[in-house]
Amino acid sequence: MTVTAVEVHPIDETHCCLAHVGWNSKFEKDGRHVEVPFTNTYLLEQNDGKLKAFWLDHWR
């Protein structure tokens, strides 16, 4: 798995930001090389200076 892109969009002080992270999964199946690019979107909140992902959406 490789991260291919990261976009961060601020929201407010409670819900720190929305992060779009592009991924590329490479593997071999039945002797074939397969690549599956996809993007996950994470909604992050910040508590005590620590970021926590509390929502995730998957886009292909």
PDB file of N, CA and C in Angstrom:
ATOM      1  N   MET A   1       0.855  -1.173   0.000  1.00  0.00           N
ATOM      2  CA  MET A   1       0.000   0.000   0.000  1.00  0.00           C
ATOM      3  C   MET A   1       0.894   1.227   0.000  1.00  0.00           C
ATOM      4  N   THR A   2       0.541   2.164  -0.864  1.00  0.00           N
ATOM      5  CA  THR A   2       1.311   3.391  -0.977  1.00  0.00           C
ATOM      6  C   THR A   2       0.367   4.582  -0.931  1.00  0.00           C
ATOM      7  N   VAL A   3       0.721   5.594  -0.150  1.00  0.00           N
ATOM      8  CA  VAL A   3      -0.029   6.849  -0.157  1.00  0.00           C
ATOM      9  C   VAL A   3       0.385   7.619  -1.402  1.00  0.00           C
ATOM     10  N   THR A   4      -0.602   8.039  -2.199  1.00  0.00           N
ATOM     11  CA  THR A   4      -0.311   8.748  -3.446  1.00  0.00           C
ATOM     12  C   THR A   4      -0.624  10.236  -3.377  1.00  0.00           C
ATOM     13  N   ALA A   5      -1.471  10.642  -2.427  1.00  0.00           N
ATOM     14  CA  ALA A   5      -1.837  12.055  -2.314  1.00  0.00           C
ATOM     15  C   ALA A   5      -2.489  12.309  -0.960  1.00  0.00           C
ATOM     16  N   VAL A   6      -2.338  13.536  -0.466  1.00  0.00           N
ATOM     17  CA  VAL A   6      -3.007  13.958   0.767  1.00  0.00           C
ATOM     18  C   VAL A   6      -3.493  15.386   0.564  1.00  0.00           C
ATOM     19  N   GLU A   7      -4.792  15.609   0.800  1.00  0.00           N
ATOM     20  CA  GLU A   7      -5.376  16.954   0.780  1.00  0.00           C
ATOM     21  C   GLU A   7      -6.047  17.174   2.126  1.00  0.00           C
ATOM     22  N   VAL A   8      -5.780  18.308   2.761  1.00  0.00           N
ATOM     23  CA  VAL A   8      -6.369  18.611   4.066  1.00  0.00           C
ATOM     24  C   VAL A   8      -7.179  19.893   3.946  1.00  0.00           C
ATOM     25  N   HIS A   9      -8.427  19.843   4.444  1.00  0.00           N
ATOM     26  CA  HIS A   9      -9.326  20.989   4.393  1.00  0.00           C
ATOM     27  C   HIS A   9      -9.806  21.304   5.809  1.00  0.00           C
ATOM     28  N   PRO A  10      -9.432  22.474   6.361  1.00  0.00           N
ATOM     29  CA  PRO A  10      -9.870  22.841   7.711  1.00  0.00           C
ATOM     30  C   PRO A  10     -11.392  22.987   7.777  1.00  0.00           C
ATOM     31  N   ILE A  11     -11.964  22.648   8.938  1.00  0.00           N
ATOM     32  CA  ILE A  11     -13.410  22.792   9.130  1.00  0.00           C
ATOM     33  C   ILE A  11     -13.684  23.799  10.239  1.00  0.00           C
ATOM     34  N   ASP A  12     -13.402  23.413  11.485  1.00  0.00           N
ATOM     35  CA  ASP A  12     -13.574  24.304  12.628  1.00  0.00           C
ATOM     36  C   ASP A  12     -12.692  23.797  13.765  1.00  0.00           C
ATOM     37  N   GLU A  13     -12.788  24.418  14.934  1.00  0.00           N
ATOM     38  CA  GLU A  13     -11.897  24.045  16.040  1.00  0.00           C
ATOM     39  C   GLU A  13     -12.231  22.681  16.647  1.00  0.00           C
ATOM     40  N   THR A  14     -13.502  22.283  16.606  1.00  0.00           N
ATOM     41  CA  THR A  14     -13.893  20.988  17.167  1.00  0.00           C
ATOM     42  C   THR A  14     -13.570  19.850  16.211  1.00  0.00           C
ATOM     43  N   HIS A  15     -14.004  20.004  14.970  1.00  0.00           N
ATOM     44  CA  HIS A  15     -13.731  19.003  13.936  1.00  0.00           C
ATOM     45  C   HIS A  15     -12.580  19.544  13.105  1.00  0.00           C
ATOM     46  N   CYS A  16     -11.404  19.228  13.540  1.00  0.00           N
ATOM     47  CA  CYS A  16     -10.170  19.804  13.001  1.00  0.00           C
ATOM     48  C   CYS A  16     -10.185  19.952  11.488  1.00  0.00           C
ATOM     49  N   CYS A  17     -10.402  18.854  10.788  1.00  0.00           N
ATOM     50  CA  CYS A  17     -10.280  18.936   9.335  1.00  0.00           C
ATOM     51  C   CYS A  17     -10.827  17.684   8.665  1.00  0.00           C
ATOM     52  N   LEU A  18     -10.962  17.820   7.365  1.00  0.00           N
ATOM     53  CA  LEU A  18     -11.319  16.720   6.490  1.00  0.00           C
ATOM     54  C   LEU A  18     -10.064  16.398   5.697  1.00  0.00           C
ATOM     55  N   ALA A  19      -9.639  15.149   5.702  1.00  0.00           N
ATOM     56  CA  ALA A  19      -8.421  14.760   4.987  1.00  0.00           C
ATOM     57  C   ALA A  19      -8.765  13.722   3.930  1.00  0.00           C
ATOM     58  N   HIS A  20      -8.411  14.018   2.685  1.00  0.00           N
ATOM     59  CA  HIS A  20      -8.574  13.070   1.581  1.00  0.00           C
ATOM     60  C   HIS A  20      -7.204  12.434   1.345  1.00  0.00           C
ATOM     61  N   VAL A  21      -7.131  11.120   1.472  1.00  0.00           N
ATOM     62  CA  VAL A  21      -5.858  10.413   1.308  1.00  0.00           C
ATOM     63  C   VAL A  21      -5.993   9.413   0.160  1.00  0.00           C
ATOM     64  N   GLY A  22      -5.174   9.615  -0.865  1.00  0.00           N
ATOM     65  CA  GLY A  22      -5.144   8.695  -1.996  1.00  0.00           C
ATOM     66  C   GLY A  22      -4.211   7.537  -1.699  1.00  0.00           C
ATOM     67  N   TRP A  23      -4.639   6.350  -2.059  1.00  0.00           N
ATOM     68  CA  TRP A  23      -3.868   5.129  -1.832  1.00  0.00           C
ATOM     69  C   TRP A  23      -3.755   4.348  -3.135  1.00  0.00           C
ATOM     70  N   ASN A  24      -2.727   3.513  -3.232  1.00  0.00           N
ATOM     71  CA  ASN A  24      -2.608   2.571  -4.332  1.00  0.00           C
ATOM     72  C   ASN A  24      -2.189   1.228  -3.740  1.00  0.00           C
ATOM     73  N   SER A  25      -3.037   0.247  -3.908  1.00  0.00           N
ATOM     74  CA  SER A  25      -2.752  -1.096  -3.418  1.00  0.00           C
ATOM     75  C   SER A  25      -2.244  -1.935  -4.588  1.00  0.00           C
ATOM     76  N   LYS A  26      -1.063  -2.512  -4.431  1.00  0.00           N
ATOM     77  CA  LYS A  26      -0.482  -3.366  -5.472  1.00  0.00           C
ATOM     78  C   LYS A  26      -0.316  -4.768  -4.903  1.00  0.00           C
ATOM     79  N   PHE A  27      -0.760  -5.764  -5.682  1.00  0.00           N
ATOM     80  CA  PHE A  27      -0.599  -7.143  -5.247  1.00  0.00           C
ATOM     81  C   PHE A  27      -0.619  -8.062  -6.462  1.00  0.00           C
ATOM     82  N   GLU A  28      -0.328  -9.311  -6.212  1.00  0.00           N
ATOM     83  CA  GLU A  28      -0.353 -10.308  -7.278  1.00  0.00           C
ATOM     84  C   GLU A  28      -1.453 -11.308  -6.972  1.00  0.00           C
ATOM     85  N   LYS A  29      -2.263 -11.616  -7.989  1.00  0.00           N
ATOM     86  CA  LYS A  29      -3.354 -12.570  -7.826  1.00  0.00           C
ATOM     87  C   LYS A  29      -3.406 -13.457  -9.065  1.00  0.00           C
ATOM     88  N   ASP A  30      -3.384 -14.739  -8.856  1.00  0.00           N
ATOM     89  CA  ASP A  30      -3.419 -15.704  -9.962  1.00  0.00           C
ATOM     90  C   ASP A  30      -2.347 -15.410 -11.007  1.00  0.00           C
ATOM     91  N   GLY A  31      -1.160 -15.013 -10.540  1.00  0.00           N
ATOM     92  CA  GLY A  31      -0.050 -14.733 -11.444  1.00  0.00           C
ATOM     93  C   GLY A  31      -0.114 -13.392 -12.149  1.00  0.00           C
ATOM     94  N   ARG A  32      -1.131 -12.585 -11.855  1.00  0.00           N
ATOM     95  CA  ARG A  32      -1.273 -11.256 -12.478  1.00  0.00           C
ATOM     96  C   ARG A  32      -0.952 -10.177 -11.456  1.00  0.00           C
ATOM     97  N   HIS A  33      -0.336  -9.108 -11.919  1.00  0.00           N
ATOM     98  CA  HIS A  33      -0.095  -7.942 -11.070  1.00  0.00           C
ATOM     99  C   HIS A  33      -1.343  -7.064 -11.114  1.00  0.00           C
ATOM    100  N   VAL A  34      -1.840  -6.700  -9.955  1.00  0.00           N
ATOM    101  CA  VAL A  34      -3.076  -5.920  -9.844  1.00  0.00           C
ATOM    102  C   VAL A  34      -2.785  -4.647  -9.069  1.00  0.00           C
ATOM    103  N   GLU A  35      -3.338  -3.523  -9.541  1.00  0.00           N
ATOM    104  CA  GLU A  35      -3.267  -2.245  -8.823  1.00  0.00           C
ATOM    105  C   GLU A  35      -4.683  -1.751  -8.584  1.00  0.00           C
ATOM    106  N   VAL A  36      -4.948  -1.327  -7.360  1.00  0.00           N
ATOM    107  CA  VAL A  36      -6.264  -0.792  -7.016  1.00  0.00           C
ATOM    108  C   VAL A  36      -6.067   0.587  -6.391  1.00  0.00           C
ATOM    109  N   PRO A  37      -6.266   1.660  -7.180  1.00  0.00           N
ATOM    110  CA  PRO A  37      -6.189   3.002  -6.609  1.00  0.00           C
ATOM    111  C   PRO A  37      -7.522   3.355  -5.939  1.00  0.00           C
ATOM    112  N   PHE A  38      -7.442   4.024  -4.789  1.00  0.00           N
ATOM    113  CA  PHE A  38      -8.660   4.457  -4.108  1.00  0.00           C
ATOM    114  C   PHE A  38      -8.335   5.632  -3.197  1.00  0.00           C
ATOM    115  N   THR A  39      -9.381   6.320  -2.761  1.00  0.00           N
ATOM    116  CA  THR A  39      -9.239   7.455  -1.856  1.00  0.00           C
ATOM    117  C   THR A  39     -10.108   7.228  -0.631  1.00  0.00           C
ATOM    118  N   ASN A  40      -9.540   7.443   0.538  1.00  0.00           N
ATOM    119  CA  ASN A  40     -10.303   7.451   1.783  1.00  0.00           C
ATOM    120  C   ASN A  40     -10.405   8.897   2.253  1.00  0.00           C
ATOM    121  N   THR A  41     -11.561   9.239   2.790  1.00  0.00           N
ATOM    122  CA  THR A  41     -11.769  10.561   3.368  1.00  0.00           C
ATOM    123  C   THR A  41     -11.954  10.391   4.869  1.00  0.00           C
ATOM    124  N   TYR A  42     -11.139  11.098   5.640  1.00  0.00           N
ATOM    125  CA  TYR A  42     -11.155  10.999   7.095  1.00  0.00           C
ATOM    126  C   TYR A  42     -11.649  12.314   7.688  1.00  0.00           C
ATOM    127  N   LEU A  43     -12.577  12.253   8.631  1.00  0.00           N
ATOM    128  CA  LEU A  43     -12.988  13.411   9.409  1.00  0.00           C
ATOM    129  C   LEU A  43     -12.231  13.321  10.728  1.00  0.00           C
ATOM    130  N   LEU A  44     -11.441  14.345  11.028  1.00  0.00           N
ATOM    131  CA  LEU A  44     -10.567  14.323  12.200  1.00  0.00           C
ATOM    132  C   LEU A  44     -11.039  15.311  13.254  1.00  0.00           C
ATOM    133  N   GLU A  45     -10.885  14.932  14.519  1.00  0.00           N
ATOM    134  CA  GLU A  45     -11.118  15.862  15.614  1.00  0.00           C
ATOM    135  C   GLU A  45      -9.848  15.935  16.441  1.00  0.00           C
ATOM    136  N   GLN A  46      -9.683  17.057  17.127  1.00  0.00           N
ATOM    137  CA  GLN A  46      -8.484  17.255  17.937  1.00  0.00           C
ATOM    138  C   GLN A  46      -8.887  17.428  19.392  1.00  0.00           C
ATOM    139  N   ASN A  47      -8.340  16.562  20.260  1.00  0.00           N
ATOM    140  CA  ASN A  47      -8.567  16.634  21.705  1.00  0.00           C
ATOM    141  C   ASN A  47      -7.227  16.544  22.406  1.00  0.00           C
ATOM    142  N   ASP A  48      -6.969  17.467  23.305  1.00  0.00           N
ATOM    143  CA  ASP A  48      -5.712  17.479  24.063  1.00  0.00           C
ATOM    144  C   ASP A  48      -4.495  17.431  23.148  1.00  0.00           C
ATOM    145  N   GLY A  49      -4.603  18.098  22.008  1.00  0.00           N
ATOM    146  CA  GLY A  49      -3.482  18.169  21.081  1.00  0.00           C
ATOM    147  C   GLY A  49      -3.264  16.929  20.231  1.00  0.00           C
ATOM    148  N   LYS A  50      -4.157  15.938  20.357  1.00  0.00           N
ATOM    149  CA  LYS A  50      -4.022  14.703  19.580  1.00  0.00           C
ATOM    150  C   LYS A  50      -5.132  14.621  18.542  1.00  0.00           C
ATOM    151  N   LEU A  51      -4.779  14.180  17.331  1.00  0.00           N
ATOM    152  CA  LEU A  51      -5.769  13.997  16.277  1.00  0.00           C
ATOM    153  C   LEU A  51      -6.361  12.597  16.344  1.00  0.00           C
ATOM    154  N   LYS A  52      -7.681  12.519  16.111  1.00  0.00           N
ATOM    155  CA  LYS A  52      -8.363  11.235  16.108  1.00  0.00           C
ATOM    156  C   LYS A  52      -9.311  11.204  14.913  1.00  0.00           C
ATOM    157  N   ALA A  53      -9.189  10.167  14.100  1.00  0.00           N
ATOM    158  CA  ALA A  53     -10.128   9.979  12.990  1.00  0.00           C
ATOM    159  C   ALA A  53     -11.392   9.358  13.569  1.00  0.00           C
ATOM    160  N   PHE A  54     -12.552  10.020  13.359  1.00  0.00           N
ATOM    161  CA  PHE A  54     -13.776   9.452  13.906  1.00  0.00           C
ATOM    162  C   PHE A  54     -14.813   9.166  12.839  1.00  0.00           C
ATOM    163  N   TRP A  55     -14.452   9.361  11.597  1.00  0.00           N
ATOM    164  CA  TRP A  55     -15.356   9.026  10.499  1.00  0.00           C
ATOM    165  C   TRP A  55     -14.511   8.770   9.276  1.00  0.00           C
ATOM    166  N   LEU A  56     -14.922   7.807   8.471  1.00  0.00           N
ATOM    167  CA  LEU A  56     -14.158   7.416   7.295  1.00  0.00           C
ATOM    168  C   LEU A  56     -15.118   7.101   6.166  1.00  0.00           C
ATOM    169  N   ASP A  57     -14.781   7.550   4.971  1.00  0.00           N
ATOM    170  CA  ASP A  57     -15.561   7.223   3.782  1.00  0.00           C
ATOM    171  C   ASP A  57     -14.591   6.741   2.717  1.00  0.00           C
ATOM    172  N   HIS A  58     -15.009   5.797   1.929  1.00  0.00           N
ATOM    173  CA  HIS A  58     -14.143   5.190   0.917  1.00  0.00           C
ATOM    174  C   HIS A  58     -14.657   5.535  -0.483  1.00  0.00           C
ATOM    175  N   TRP A  59     -13.763   5.979  -1.339  1.00  0.00           N
ATOM    176  CA  TRP A  59     -14.084   6.278  -2.743  1.00  0.00           C
ATOM    177  C   TRP A  59     -13.177   5.448  -3.611  1.00  0.00           C
ATOM    178  N   ARG A  60     -13.697   4.924  -4.664  1.00  0.00           N
ATOM    179  CA  ARG A  60     -12.838   4.175  -5.575  1.00  0.00           C
ATOM    180  C   ARG A  60     -12.807   4.827  -6.923  1.00  0.00           C
TER     181      ARG A  60
END
